[in-house]
Amino acid sequence: DQHYLPAYYELIKPYLGGAPAVDLKALSK
């Protein structure tokens, strides 16, 4: 529910070691 907020990255950051490539590509934007 916070995907489009600036705070989303800091919230999801501790778990990014399990992120698939498609989610990282989206995050790069």
mmCIF file of all heavy atoms, coordinates in Angstrom:
data_MODEL
# 
_entry.id   MODEL 
# 
loop_
_atom_site.group_PDB 
_atom_site.id 
_atom_site.type_symbol 
_atom_site.label_atom_id 
_atom_site.label_alt_id 
_atom_site.label_comp_id 
_atom_site.label_asym_id 
_atom_site.label_entity_id 
_atom_site.label_seq_id 
_atom_site.pdbx_PDB_ins_code 
_atom_site.Cartn_x 
_atom_site.Cartn_y 
_atom_site.Cartn_z 
_atom_site.occupancy 
_atom_site.B_iso_or_equiv 
_atom_site.pdbx_formal_charge 
_atom_site.auth_seq_id 
_atom_site.auth_comp_id 
_atom_site.auth_asym_id 
_atom_site.auth_atom_id 
_atom_site.pdbx_PDB_model_num 
ATOM 1   N N   . ASP A 1 1  ? 0.817  -1.218  0.000   1.00 0.00 ? 1  ASP A N   1 
ATOM 2   C CA  . ASP A 1 1  ? 0.000  0.000   0.000   1.00 0.00 ? 1  ASP A CA  1 
ATOM 3   C C   . ASP A 1 1  ? 0.849  1.266   0.000   1.00 0.00 ? 1  ASP A C   1 
ATOM 4   O O   . ASP A 1 1  ? 0.325  2.374   -0.163  1.00 0.00 ? 1  ASP A O   1 
ATOM 5   C CB  . ASP A 1 1  ? -0.935 0.006   1.215   1.00 0.00 ? 1  ASP A CB  1 
ATOM 6   C CG  . ASP A 1 1  ? -0.188 -0.073  2.535   1.00 0.00 ? 1  ASP A CG  1 
ATOM 7   O OD1 . ASP A 1 1  ? 0.962  -0.565  2.536   1.00 0.00 ? 1  ASP A OD1 1 
ATOM 8   O OD2 . ASP A 1 1  ? -0.744 0.343   3.566   1.00 0.00 ? 1  ASP A OD2 1 
ATOM 9   N N   . GLN A 1 2  ? 2.177  1.108   0.184   1.00 0.00 ? 2  GLN A N   1 
ATOM 10  C CA  . GLN A 1 2  ? 3.079  2.261   0.186   1.00 0.00 ? 2  GLN A CA  1 
ATOM 11  C C   . GLN A 1 2  ? 4.049  2.223   -0.985  1.00 0.00 ? 2  GLN A C   1 
ATOM 12  O O   . GLN A 1 2  ? 5.054  2.941   -0.981  1.00 0.00 ? 2  GLN A O   1 
ATOM 13  C CB  . GLN A 1 2  ? 3.858  2.304   1.510   1.00 0.00 ? 2  GLN A CB  1 
ATOM 14  C CG  . GLN A 1 2  ? 2.964  2.357   2.730   1.00 0.00 ? 2  GLN A CG  1 
ATOM 15  C CD  . GLN A 1 2  ? 3.741  2.421   4.021   1.00 0.00 ? 2  GLN A CD  1 
ATOM 16  O OE1 . GLN A 1 2  ? 4.517  3.349   4.236   1.00 0.00 ? 2  GLN A OE1 1 
ATOM 17  N NE2 . GLN A 1 2  ? 3.544  1.439   4.890   1.00 0.00 ? 2  GLN A NE2 1 
ATOM 18  N N   . HIS A 1 3  ? 3.733  1.399   -1.954  1.00 0.00 ? 3  HIS A N   1 
ATOM 19  C CA  . HIS A 1 3  ? 4.650  1.169   -3.072  1.00 0.00 ? 3  HIS A CA  1 
ATOM 20  C C   . HIS A 1 3  ? 5.020  2.453   -3.815  1.00 0.00 ? 3  HIS A C   1 
ATOM 21  O O   . HIS A 1 3  ? 6.143  2.583   -4.306  1.00 0.00 ? 3  HIS A O   1 
ATOM 22  C CB  . HIS A 1 3  ? 4.027  0.169   -4.049  1.00 0.00 ? 3  HIS A CB  1 
ATOM 23  C CG  . HIS A 1 3  ? 4.911  -0.158  -5.222  1.00 0.00 ? 3  HIS A CG  1 
ATOM 24  N ND1 . HIS A 1 3  ? 6.043  -0.925  -5.107  1.00 0.00 ? 3  HIS A ND1 1 
ATOM 25  C CD2 . HIS A 1 3  ? 4.841  0.207   -6.525  1.00 0.00 ? 3  HIS A CD2 1 
ATOM 26  C CE1 . HIS A 1 3  ? 6.634  -1.023  -6.281  1.00 0.00 ? 3  HIS A CE1 1 
ATOM 27  N NE2 . HIS A 1 3  ? 5.927  -0.353  -7.164  1.00 0.00 ? 3  HIS A NE2 1 
ATOM 28  N N   . TYR A 1 4  ? 4.106  3.384   -3.898  1.00 0.00 ? 4  TYR A N   1 
ATOM 29  C CA  . TYR A 1 4  ? 4.352  4.609   -4.669  1.00 0.00 ? 4  TYR A CA  1 
ATOM 30  C C   . TYR A 1 4  ? 4.813  5.775   -3.797  1.00 0.00 ? 4  TYR A C   1 
ATOM 31  O O   . TYR A 1 4  ? 4.909  6.908   -4.273  1.00 0.00 ? 4  TYR A O   1 
ATOM 32  C CB  . TYR A 1 4  ? 3.087  4.992   -5.444  1.00 0.00 ? 4  TYR A CB  1 
ATOM 33  C CG  . TYR A 1 4  ? 2.718  3.963   -6.483  1.00 0.00 ? 4  TYR A CG  1 
ATOM 34  C CD1 . TYR A 1 4  ? 1.671  3.070   -6.248  1.00 0.00 ? 4  TYR A CD1 1 
ATOM 35  C CD2 . TYR A 1 4  ? 3.431  3.851   -7.670  1.00 0.00 ? 4  TYR A CD2 1 
ATOM 36  C CE1 . TYR A 1 4  ? 1.337  2.099   -7.189  1.00 0.00 ? 4  TYR A CE1 1 
ATOM 37  C CE2 . TYR A 1 4  ? 3.105  2.888   -8.615  1.00 0.00 ? 4  TYR A CE2 1 
ATOM 38  C CZ  . TYR A 1 4  ? 2.057  2.009   -8.371  1.00 0.00 ? 4  TYR A CZ  1 
ATOM 39  O OH  . TYR A 1 4  ? 1.741  1.057   -9.293  1.00 0.00 ? 4  TYR A OH  1 
ATOM 40  N N   . LEU A 1 5  ? 5.106  5.506   -2.533  1.00 0.00 ? 5  LEU A N   1 
ATOM 41  C CA  . LEU A 1 5  ? 5.577  6.546   -1.625  1.00 0.00 ? 5  LEU A CA  1 
ATOM 42  C C   . LEU A 1 5  ? 7.102  6.516   -1.523  1.00 0.00 ? 5  LEU A C   1 
ATOM 43  O O   . LEU A 1 5  ? 7.719  5.449   -1.659  1.00 0.00 ? 5  LEU A O   1 
ATOM 44  C CB  . LEU A 1 5  ? 4.962  6.358   -0.237  1.00 0.00 ? 5  LEU A CB  1 
ATOM 45  C CG  . LEU A 1 5  ? 3.435  6.439   -0.153  1.00 0.00 ? 5  LEU A CG  1 
ATOM 46  C CD1 . LEU A 1 5  ? 2.972  6.174   1.276   1.00 0.00 ? 5  LEU A CD1 1 
ATOM 47  C CD2 . LEU A 1 5  ? 2.940  7.800   -0.632  1.00 0.00 ? 5  LEU A CD2 1 
ATOM 48  N N   . PRO A 1 6  ? 7.744  7.652   -1.286  1.00 0.00 ? 6  PRO A N   1 
ATOM 49  C CA  . PRO A 1 6  ? 9.208  7.693   -1.150  1.00 0.00 ? 6  PRO A CA  1 
ATOM 50  C C   . PRO A 1 6  ? 9.734  6.765   -0.049  1.00 0.00 ? 6  PRO A C   1 
ATOM 51  O O   . PRO A 1 6  ? 10.854 6.272   -0.136  1.00 0.00 ? 6  PRO A O   1 
ATOM 52  C CB  . PRO A 1 6  ? 9.481  9.161   -0.822  1.00 0.00 ? 6  PRO A CB  1 
ATOM 53  C CG  . PRO A 1 6  ? 8.317  9.905   -1.399  1.00 0.00 ? 6  PRO A CG  1 
ATOM 54  C CD  . PRO A 1 6  ? 7.145  8.994   -1.214  1.00 0.00 ? 6  PRO A CD  1 
ATOM 55  N N   . ALA A 1 7  ? 8.920  6.525   0.977   1.00 0.00 ? 7  ALA A N   1 
ATOM 56  C CA  . ALA A 1 7  ? 9.364  5.704   2.112   1.00 0.00 ? 7  ALA A CA  1 
ATOM 57  C C   . ALA A 1 7  ? 9.425  4.217   1.775   1.00 0.00 ? 7  ALA A C   1 
ATOM 58  O O   . ALA A 1 7  ? 10.018 3.434   2.527   1.00 0.00 ? 7  ALA A O   1 
ATOM 59  C CB  . ALA A 1 7  ? 8.423  5.914   3.300   1.00 0.00 ? 7  ALA A CB  1 
ATOM 60  N N   . TYR A 1 8  ? 8.833  3.815   0.648   1.00 0.00 ? 8  TYR A N   1 
ATOM 61  C CA  . TYR A 1 8  ? 8.752  2.387   0.312   1.00 0.00 ? 8  TYR A CA  1 
ATOM 62  C C   . TYR A 1 8  ? 10.131 1.740   0.245   1.00 0.00 ? 8  TYR A C   1 
ATOM 63  O O   . TYR A 1 8  ? 10.334 0.627   0.761   1.00 0.00 ? 8  TYR A O   1 
ATOM 64  C CB  . TYR A 1 8  ? 8.023  2.202   -1.024  1.00 0.00 ? 8  TYR A CB  1 
ATOM 65  C CG  . TYR A 1 8  ? 8.004  0.761   -1.486  1.00 0.00 ? 8  TYR A CG  1 
ATOM 66  C CD1 . TYR A 1 8  ? 7.143  -0.161  -0.897  1.00 0.00 ? 8  TYR A CD1 1 
ATOM 67  C CD2 . TYR A 1 8  ? 8.852  0.315   -2.515  1.00 0.00 ? 8  TYR A CD2 1 
ATOM 68  C CE1 . TYR A 1 8  ? 7.120  -1.490  -1.319  1.00 0.00 ? 8  TYR A CE1 1 
ATOM 69  C CE2 . TYR A 1 8  ? 8.833  -1.008  -2.924  1.00 0.00 ? 8  TYR A CE2 1 
ATOM 70  C CZ  . TYR A 1 8  ? 7.977  -1.906  -2.324  1.00 0.00 ? 8  TYR A CZ  1 
ATOM 71  O OH  . TYR A 1 8  ? 7.959  -3.223  -2.725  1.00 0.00 ? 8  TYR A OH  1 
ATOM 72  N N   . TYR A 1 9  ? 11.081 2.428   -0.370  1.00 0.00 ? 9  TYR A N   1 
ATOM 73  C CA  . TYR A 1 9  ? 12.411 1.829   -0.533  1.00 0.00 ? 9  TYR A CA  1 
ATOM 74  C C   . TYR A 1 9  ? 13.046 1.511   0.809   1.00 0.00 ? 9  TYR A C   1 
ATOM 75  O O   . TYR A 1 9  ? 13.609 0.427   1.000   1.00 0.00 ? 9  TYR A O   1 
ATOM 76  C CB  . TYR A 1 9  ? 13.336 2.749   -1.332  1.00 0.00 ? 9  TYR A CB  1 
ATOM 77  C CG  . TYR A 1 9  ? 14.763 2.267   -1.346  1.00 0.00 ? 9  TYR A CG  1 
ATOM 78  C CD1 . TYR A 1 9  ? 15.106 1.111   -2.039  1.00 0.00 ? 9  TYR A CD1 1 
ATOM 79  C CD2 . TYR A 1 9  ? 15.757 2.944   -0.631  1.00 0.00 ? 9  TYR A CD2 1 
ATOM 80  C CE1 . TYR A 1 9  ? 16.416 0.648   -2.029  1.00 0.00 ? 9  TYR A CE1 1 
ATOM 81  C CE2 . TYR A 1 9  ? 17.061 2.484   -0.626  1.00 0.00 ? 9  TYR A CE2 1 
ATOM 82  C CZ  . TYR A 1 9  ? 17.384 1.329   -1.329  1.00 0.00 ? 9  TYR A CZ  1 
ATOM 83  O OH  . TYR A 1 9  ? 18.672 0.861   -1.307  1.00 0.00 ? 9  TYR A OH  1 
ATOM 84  N N   . GLU A 1 10 ? 12.976 2.416   1.763   1.00 0.00 ? 10 GLU A N   1 
ATOM 85  C CA  . GLU A 1 10 ? 13.569 2.180   3.080   1.00 0.00 ? 10 GLU A CA  1 
ATOM 86  C C   . GLU A 1 10 ? 12.876 1.035   3.808   1.00 0.00 ? 10 GLU A C   1 
ATOM 87  O O   . GLU A 1 10 ? 13.520 0.295   4.569   1.00 0.00 ? 10 GLU A O   1 
ATOM 88  C CB  . GLU A 1 10 ? 13.514 3.456   3.920   1.00 0.00 ? 10 GLU A CB  1 
ATOM 89  C CG  . GLU A 1 10 ? 14.398 4.581   3.400   1.00 0.00 ? 10 GLU A CG  1 
ATOM 90  C CD  . GLU A 1 10 ? 15.875 4.183   3.348   1.00 0.00 ? 10 GLU A CD  1 
ATOM 91  O OE1 . GLU A 1 10 ? 16.316 3.411   4.225   1.00 0.00 ? 10 GLU A OE1 1 
ATOM 92  O OE2 . GLU A 1 10 ? 16.578 4.638   2.418   1.00 0.00 ? 10 GLU A OE2 1 
ATOM 93  N N   . LEU A 1 11 ? 11.591 0.863   3.571   1.00 0.00 ? 11 LEU A N   1 
ATOM 94  C CA  . LEU A 1 11 ? 10.844 -0.214  4.212   1.00 0.00 ? 11 LEU A CA  1 
ATOM 95  C C   . LEU A 1 11 ? 11.214 -1.576  3.629   1.00 0.00 ? 11 LEU A C   1 
ATOM 96  O O   . LEU A 1 11 ? 11.349 -2.562  4.362   1.00 0.00 ? 11 LEU A O   1 
ATOM 97  C CB  . LEU A 1 11 ? 9.331  0.025   4.056   1.00 0.00 ? 11 LEU A CB  1 
ATOM 98  C CG  . LEU A 1 11 ? 8.758  1.248   4.776   1.00 0.00 ? 11 LEU A CG  1 
ATOM 99  C CD1 . LEU A 1 11 ? 7.316  1.490   4.349   1.00 0.00 ? 11 LEU A CD1 1 
ATOM 100 C CD2 . LEU A 1 11 ? 8.842  1.066   6.288   1.00 0.00 ? 11 LEU A CD2 1 
ATOM 101 N N   . ILE A 1 12 ? 11.378 -1.631  2.313   1.00 0.00 ? 12 ILE A N   1 
ATOM 102 C CA  . ILE A 1 12 ? 11.644 -2.902  1.638   1.00 0.00 ? 12 ILE A CA  1 
ATOM 103 C C   . ILE A 1 12 ? 13.131 -3.238  1.594   1.00 0.00 ? 12 ILE A C   1 
ATOM 104 O O   . ILE A 1 12 ? 13.521 -4.388  1.346   1.00 0.00 ? 12 ILE A O   1 
ATOM 105 C CB  . ILE A 1 12 ? 11.061 -2.870  0.198   1.00 0.00 ? 12 ILE A CB  1 
ATOM 106 C CG1 . ILE A 1 12 ? 10.848 -4.283  -0.350  1.00 0.00 ? 12 ILE A CG1 1 
ATOM 107 C CG2 . ILE A 1 12 ? 11.944 -2.072  -0.743  1.00 0.00 ? 12 ILE A CG2 1 
ATOM 108 C CD1 . ILE A 1 12 ? 9.724  -5.025  0.305   1.00 0.00 ? 12 ILE A CD1 1 
ATOM 109 N N   . LYS A 1 13 ? 13.986 -2.255  1.855   1.00 0.00 ? 13 LYS A N   1 
ATOM 110 C CA  . LYS A 1 13 ? 15.439 -2.416  1.736   1.00 0.00 ? 13 LYS A CA  1 
ATOM 111 C C   . LYS A 1 13 ? 16.008 -3.620  2.484   1.00 0.00 ? 13 LYS A C   1 
ATOM 112 O O   . LYS A 1 13 ? 16.827 -4.366  1.931   1.00 0.00 ? 13 LYS A O   1 
ATOM 113 C CB  . LYS A 1 13 ? 16.131 -1.132  2.188   1.00 0.00 ? 13 LYS A CB  1 
ATOM 114 C CG  . LYS A 1 13 ? 17.649 -1.170  2.106   1.00 0.00 ? 13 LYS A CG  1 
ATOM 115 C CD  . LYS A 1 13 ? 18.248 0.156   2.580   1.00 0.00 ? 13 LYS A CD  1 
ATOM 116 C CE  . LYS A 1 13 ? 19.771 0.092   2.610   1.00 0.00 ? 13 LYS A CE  1 
ATOM 117 N NZ  . LYS A 1 13 ? 20.349 1.384   3.073   1.00 0.00 ? 13 LYS A NZ  1 
ATOM 118 N N   . PRO A 1 14 ? 15.607 -3.880  3.753   1.00 0.00 ? 14 PRO A N   1 
ATOM 119 C CA  . PRO A 1 14 ? 16.194 -5.026  4.471   1.00 0.00 ? 14 PRO A CA  1 
ATOM 120 C C   . PRO A 1 14 ? 15.897 -6.374  3.828   1.00 0.00 ? 14 PRO A C   1 
ATOM 121 O O   . PRO A 1 14 ? 16.564 -7.370  4.147   1.00 0.00 ? 14 PRO A O   1 
ATOM 122 C CB  . PRO A 1 14 ? 15.543 -4.938  5.865   1.00 0.00 ? 14 PRO A CB  1 
ATOM 123 C CG  . PRO A 1 14 ? 15.105 -3.523  5.999   1.00 0.00 ? 14 PRO A CG  1 
ATOM 124 C CD  . PRO A 1 14 ? 14.701 -3.110  4.620   1.00 0.00 ? 14 PRO A CD  1 
ATOM 125 N N   . TYR A 1 15 ? 14.931 -6.422  2.919   1.00 0.00 ? 15 TYR A N   1 
ATOM 126 C CA  . TYR A 1 15 ? 14.505 -7.695  2.327   1.00 0.00 ? 15 TYR A CA  1 
ATOM 127 C C   . TYR A 1 15 ? 14.884 -7.827  0.857   1.00 0.00 ? 15 TYR A C   1 
ATOM 128 O O   . TYR A 1 15 ? 14.524 -8.812  0.210   1.00 0.00 ? 15 TYR A O   1 
ATOM 129 C CB  . TYR A 1 15 ? 12.978 -7.829  2.475   1.00 0.00 ? 15 TYR A CB  1 
ATOM 130 C CG  . TYR A 1 15 ? 12.503 -7.662  3.904   1.00 0.00 ? 15 TYR A CG  1 
ATOM 131 C CD1 . TYR A 1 15 ? 11.994 -6.443  4.348   1.00 0.00 ? 15 TYR A CD1 1 
ATOM 132 C CD2 . TYR A 1 15 ? 12.584 -8.714  4.809   1.00 0.00 ? 15 TYR A CD2 1 
ATOM 133 C CE1 . TYR A 1 15 ? 11.581 -6.273  5.665   1.00 0.00 ? 15 TYR A CE1 1 
ATOM 134 C CE2 . TYR A 1 15 ? 12.164 -8.557  6.124   1.00 0.00 ? 15 TYR A CE2 1 
ATOM 135 C CZ  . TYR A 1 15 ? 11.675 -7.335  6.547   1.00 0.00 ? 15 TYR A CZ  1 
ATOM 136 O OH  . TYR A 1 15 ? 11.265 -7.186  7.848   1.00 0.00 ? 15 TYR A OH  1 
ATOM 137 N N   . LEU A 1 16 ? 15.606 -6.841  0.318   1.00 0.00 ? 16 LEU A N   1 
ATOM 138 C CA  . LEU A 1 16 ? 15.898 -6.828  -1.120  1.00 0.00 ? 16 LEU A CA  1 
ATOM 139 C C   . LEU A 1 16 ? 16.801 -7.983  -1.567  1.00 0.00 ? 16 LEU A C   1 
ATOM 140 O O   . LEU A 1 16 ? 16.900 -8.248  -2.758  1.00 0.00 ? 16 LEU A O   1 
ATOM 141 C CB  . LEU A 1 16 ? 16.544 -5.498  -1.519  1.00 0.00 ? 16 LEU A CB  1 
ATOM 142 C CG  . LEU A 1 16 ? 15.598 -4.298  -1.612  1.00 0.00 ? 16 LEU A CG  1 
ATOM 143 C CD1 . LEU A 1 16 ? 16.363 -3.034  -1.964  1.00 0.00 ? 16 LEU A CD1 1 
ATOM 144 C CD2 . LEU A 1 16 ? 14.496 -4.553  -2.647  1.00 0.00 ? 16 LEU A CD2 1 
ATOM 145 N N   . GLY A 1 17 ? 17.440 -8.663  -0.624  1.00 0.00 ? 17 GLY A N   1 
ATOM 146 C CA  . GLY A 1 17 ? 18.258 -9.809  -0.991  1.00 0.00 ? 17 GLY A CA  1 
ATOM 147 C C   . GLY A 1 17 ? 17.459 -10.944 -1.602  1.00 0.00 ? 17 GLY A C   1 
ATOM 148 O O   . GLY A 1 17 ? 18.033 -11.871 -2.179  1.00 0.00 ? 17 GLY A O   1 
ATOM 149 N N   . GLY A 1 18 ? 16.139 -10.861 -1.494  1.00 0.00 ? 18 GLY A N   1 
ATOM 150 C CA  . GLY A 1 18 ? 15.285 -11.883 -2.095  1.00 0.00 ? 18 GLY A CA  1 
ATOM 151 C C   . GLY A 1 18 ? 14.478 -11.372 -3.269  1.00 0.00 ? 18 GLY A C   1 
ATOM 152 O O   . GLY A 1 18 ? 13.578 -12.057 -3.765  1.00 0.00 ? 18 GLY A O   1 
ATOM 153 N N   . ALA A 1 19 ? 14.791 -10.179 -3.739  1.00 0.00 ? 19 ALA A N   1 
ATOM 154 C CA  . ALA A 1 19 ? 13.998 -9.552  -4.811  1.00 0.00 ? 19 ALA A CA  1 
ATOM 155 C C   . ALA A 1 19 ? 14.340 -10.133 -6.184  1.00 0.00 ? 19 ALA A C   1 
ATOM 156 O O   . ALA A 1 19 ? 15.517 -10.255 -6.523  1.00 0.00 ? 19 ALA A O   1 
ATOM 157 C CB  . ALA A 1 19 ? 14.224 -8.051  -4.823  1.00 0.00 ? 19 ALA A CB  1 
ATOM 158 N N   . PRO A 1 20 ? 13.338 -10.470 -6.987  1.00 0.00 ? 20 PRO A N   1 
ATOM 159 C CA  . PRO A 1 20 ? 13.597 -10.905 -8.357  1.00 0.00 ? 20 PRO A CA  1 
ATOM 160 C C   . PRO A 1 20 ? 13.986 -9.726  -9.232  1.00 0.00 ? 20 PRO A C   1 
ATOM 161 O O   . PRO A 1 20 ? 13.756 -8.566  -8.868  1.00 0.00 ? 20 PRO A O   1 
ATOM 162 C CB  . PRO A 1 20 ? 12.251 -11.508 -8.799  1.00 0.00 ? 20 PRO A CB  1 
ATOM 163 C CG  . PRO A 1 20 ? 11.240 -10.763 -7.981  1.00 0.00 ? 20 PRO A CG  1 
ATOM 164 C CD  . PRO A 1 20 ? 11.893 -10.506 -6.651  1.00 0.00 ? 20 PRO A CD  1 
ATOM 165 N N   . ALA A 1 21 ? 14.565 -10.010 -10.384 1.00 0.00 ? 21 ALA A N   1 
ATOM 166 C CA  . ALA A 1 21 ? 15.061 -8.962  -11.272 1.00 0.00 ? 21 ALA A CA  1 
ATOM 167 C C   . ALA A 1 21 ? 13.963 -7.998  -11.699 1.00 0.00 ? 21 ALA A C   1 
ATOM 168 O O   . ALA A 1 21 ? 14.195 -6.785  -11.783 1.00 0.00 ? 21 ALA A O   1 
ATOM 169 C CB  . ALA A 1 21 ? 15.717 -9.591  -12.503 1.00 0.00 ? 21 ALA A CB  1 
ATOM 170 N N   . VAL A 1 22 ? 12.770 -8.496  -11.946 1.00 0.00 ? 22 VAL A N   1 
ATOM 171 C CA  . VAL A 1 22 ? 11.687 -7.635  -12.438 1.00 0.00 ? 22 VAL A CA  1 
ATOM 172 C C   . VAL A 1 22 ? 11.348 -6.547  -11.422 1.00 0.00 ? 22 VAL A C   1 
ATOM 173 O O   . VAL A 1 22 ? 11.049 -5.403  -11.809 1.00 0.00 ? 22 VAL A O   1 
ATOM 174 C CB  . VAL A 1 22 ? 10.428 -8.487  -12.773 1.00 0.00 ? 22 VAL A CB  1 
ATOM 175 C CG1 . VAL A 1 22 ? 9.882  -9.187  -11.537 1.00 0.00 ? 22 VAL A CG1 1 
ATOM 176 C CG2 . VAL A 1 22 ? 9.361  -7.631  -13.433 1.00 0.00 ? 22 VAL A CG2 1 
ATOM 177 N N   . ASP A 1 23 ? 11.433 -6.865  -10.125 1.00 0.00 ? 23 ASP A N   1 
ATOM 178 C CA  . ASP A 1 23 ? 11.135 -5.859  -9.103  1.00 0.00 ? 23 ASP A CA  1 
ATOM 179 C C   . ASP A 1 23 ? 12.265 -4.832  -8.996  1.00 0.00 ? 23 ASP A C   1 
ATOM 180 O O   . ASP A 1 23 ? 12.019 -3.646  -8.747  1.00 0.00 ? 23 ASP A O   1 
ATOM 181 C CB  . ASP A 1 23 ? 10.928 -6.540  -7.749  1.00 0.00 ? 23 ASP A CB  1 
ATOM 182 C CG  . ASP A 1 23 ? 9.610  -7.298  -7.683  1.00 0.00 ? 23 ASP A CG  1 
ATOM 183 O OD1 . ASP A 1 23 ? 8.874  -7.298  -8.693  1.00 0.00 ? 23 ASP A OD1 1 
ATOM 184 O OD2 . ASP A 1 23 ? 9.308  -7.879  -6.631  1.00 0.00 ? 23 ASP A OD2 1 
ATOM 185 N N   . LEU A 1 24 ? 13.500 -5.283  -9.189  1.00 0.00 ? 24 LEU A N   1 
ATOM 186 C CA  . LEU A 1 24 ? 14.633 -4.350  -9.146  1.00 0.00 ? 24 LEU A CA  1 
ATOM 187 C C   . LEU A 1 24 ? 14.601 -3.406  -10.346 1.00 0.00 ? 24 LEU A C   1 
ATOM 188 O O   . LEU A 1 24 ? 14.940 -2.226  -10.225 1.00 0.00 ? 24 LEU A O   1 
ATOM 189 C CB  . LEU A 1 24 ? 15.942 -5.130  -9.120  1.00 0.00 ? 24 LEU A CB  1 
ATOM 190 C CG  . LEU A 1 24 ? 16.179 -5.983  -7.862  1.00 0.00 ? 24 LEU A CG  1 
ATOM 191 C CD1 . LEU A 1 24 ? 17.429 -6.840  -8.034  1.00 0.00 ? 24 LEU A CD1 1 
ATOM 192 C CD2 . LEU A 1 24 ? 16.308 -5.102  -6.629  1.00 0.00 ? 24 LEU A CD2 1 
ATOM 193 N N   . LYS A 1 25 ? 14.188 -3.930  -11.493 1.00 0.00 ? 25 LYS A N   1 
ATOM 194 C CA  . LYS A 1 25 ? 14.083 -3.093  -12.679 1.00 0.00 ? 25 LYS A CA  1 
ATOM 195 C C   . LYS A 1 25 ? 13.026 -2.003  -12.467 1.00 0.00 ? 25 LYS A C   1 
ATOM 196 O O   . LYS A 1 25 ? 13.203 -0.853  -12.881 1.00 0.00 ? 25 LYS A O   1 
ATOM 197 C CB  . LYS A 1 25 ? 13.716 -3.953  -13.896 1.00 0.00 ? 25 LYS A CB  1 
ATOM 198 C CG  . LYS A 1 25 ? 14.850 -4.868  -14.364 1.00 0.00 ? 25 LYS A CG  1 
ATOM 199 C CD  . LYS A 1 25 ? 14.391 -5.773  -15.508 1.00 0.00 ? 25 LYS A CD  1 
ATOM 200 C CE  . LYS A 1 25 ? 15.488 -6.710  -15.971 1.00 0.00 ? 25 LYS A CE  1 
ATOM 201 N NZ  . LYS A 1 25 ? 16.594 -6.008  -16.627 1.00 0.00 ? 25 LYS A NZ  1 
ATOM 202 N N   . ALA A 1 26 ? 11.936 -2.371  -11.805 1.00 0.00 ? 26 ALA A N   1 
ATOM 203 C CA  . ALA A 1 26 ? 10.890 -1.384  -11.503 1.00 0.00 ? 26 ALA A CA  1 
ATOM 204 C C   . ALA A 1 26 ? 11.404 -0.368  -10.490 1.00 0.00 ? 26 ALA A C   1 
ATOM 205 O O   . ALA A 1 26 ? 11.139 0.839   -10.599 1.00 0.00 ? 26 ALA A O   1 
ATOM 206 C CB  . ALA A 1 26 ? 9.648  -2.094  -10.965 1.00 0.00 ? 26 ALA A CB  1 
ATOM 207 N N   . LEU A 1 27 ? 12.171 -0.833  -9.516  1.00 0.00 ? 27 LEU A N   1 
ATOM 208 C CA  . LEU A 1 27 ? 12.708 0.045   -8.476  1.00 0.00 ? 27 LEU A CA  1 
ATOM 209 C C   . LEU A 1 27 ? 13.715 1.044   -9.046  1.00 0.00 ? 27 LEU A C   1 
ATOM 210 O O   . LEU A 1 27 ? 13.881 2.142   -8.515  1.00 0.00 ? 27 LEU A O   1 
ATOM 211 C CB  . LEU A 1 27 ? 13.376 -0.813  -7.398  1.00 0.00 ? 27 LEU A CB  1 
ATOM 212 C CG  . LEU A 1 27 ? 13.575 -0.186  -6.007  1.00 0.00 ? 27 LEU A CG  1 
ATOM 213 C CD1 . LEU A 1 27 ? 12.232 0.196   -5.399  1.00 0.00 ? 27 LEU A CD1 1 
ATOM 214 C CD2 . LEU A 1 27 ? 14.313 -1.161  -5.108  1.00 0.00 ? 27 LEU A CD2 1 
ATOM 215 N N   . SER A 1 28 ? 14.369 0.658   -10.147 1.00 0.00 ? 28 SER A N   1 
ATOM 216 C CA  . SER A 1 28 ? 15.370 1.539   -10.747 1.00 0.00 ? 28 SER A CA  1 
ATOM 217 C C   . SER A 1 28 ? 14.756 2.817   -11.309 1.00 0.00 ? 28 SER A C   1 
ATOM 218 O O   . SER A 1 28 ? 15.475 3.773   -11.612 1.00 0.00 ? 28 SER A O   1 
ATOM 219 C CB  . SER A 1 28 ? 16.130 0.798   -11.857 1.00 0.00 ? 28 SER A CB  1 
ATOM 220 O OG  . SER A 1 28 ? 15.301 0.568   -12.992 1.00 0.00 ? 28 SER A OG  1 
ATOM 221 N N   . LYS A 1 29 ? 13.452 2.845   -11.429 1.00 0.00 ? 29 LYS A N   1 
ATOM 222 C CA  . LYS A 1 29 ? 12.767 4.023   -11.972 1.00 0.00 ? 29 LYS A CA  1 
ATOM 223 C C   . LYS A 1 29 ? 12.334 4.997   -10.873 1.00 0.00 ? 29 LYS A C   1 
ATOM 224 O O   . LYS A 1 29 ? 11.728 6.031   -11.163 1.00 0.00 ? 29 LYS A O   1 
ATOM 225 C CB  . LYS A 1 29 ? 11.543 3.589   -12.780 1.00 0.00 ? 29 LYS A CB  1 
ATOM 226 C CG  . LYS A 1 29 ? 11.870 2.632   -13.921 1.00 0.00 ? 29 LYS A CG  1 
ATOM 227 C CD  . LYS A 1 29 ? 10.611 2.115   -14.600 1.00 0.00 ? 29 LYS A CD  1 
ATOM 228 C CE  . LYS A 1 29 ? 10.934 1.103   -15.689 1.00 0.00 ? 29 LYS A CE  1 
ATOM 229 N NZ  . LYS A 1 29 ? 9.699  0.567   -16.323 1.00 0.00 ? 29 LYS A NZ  1 
# 
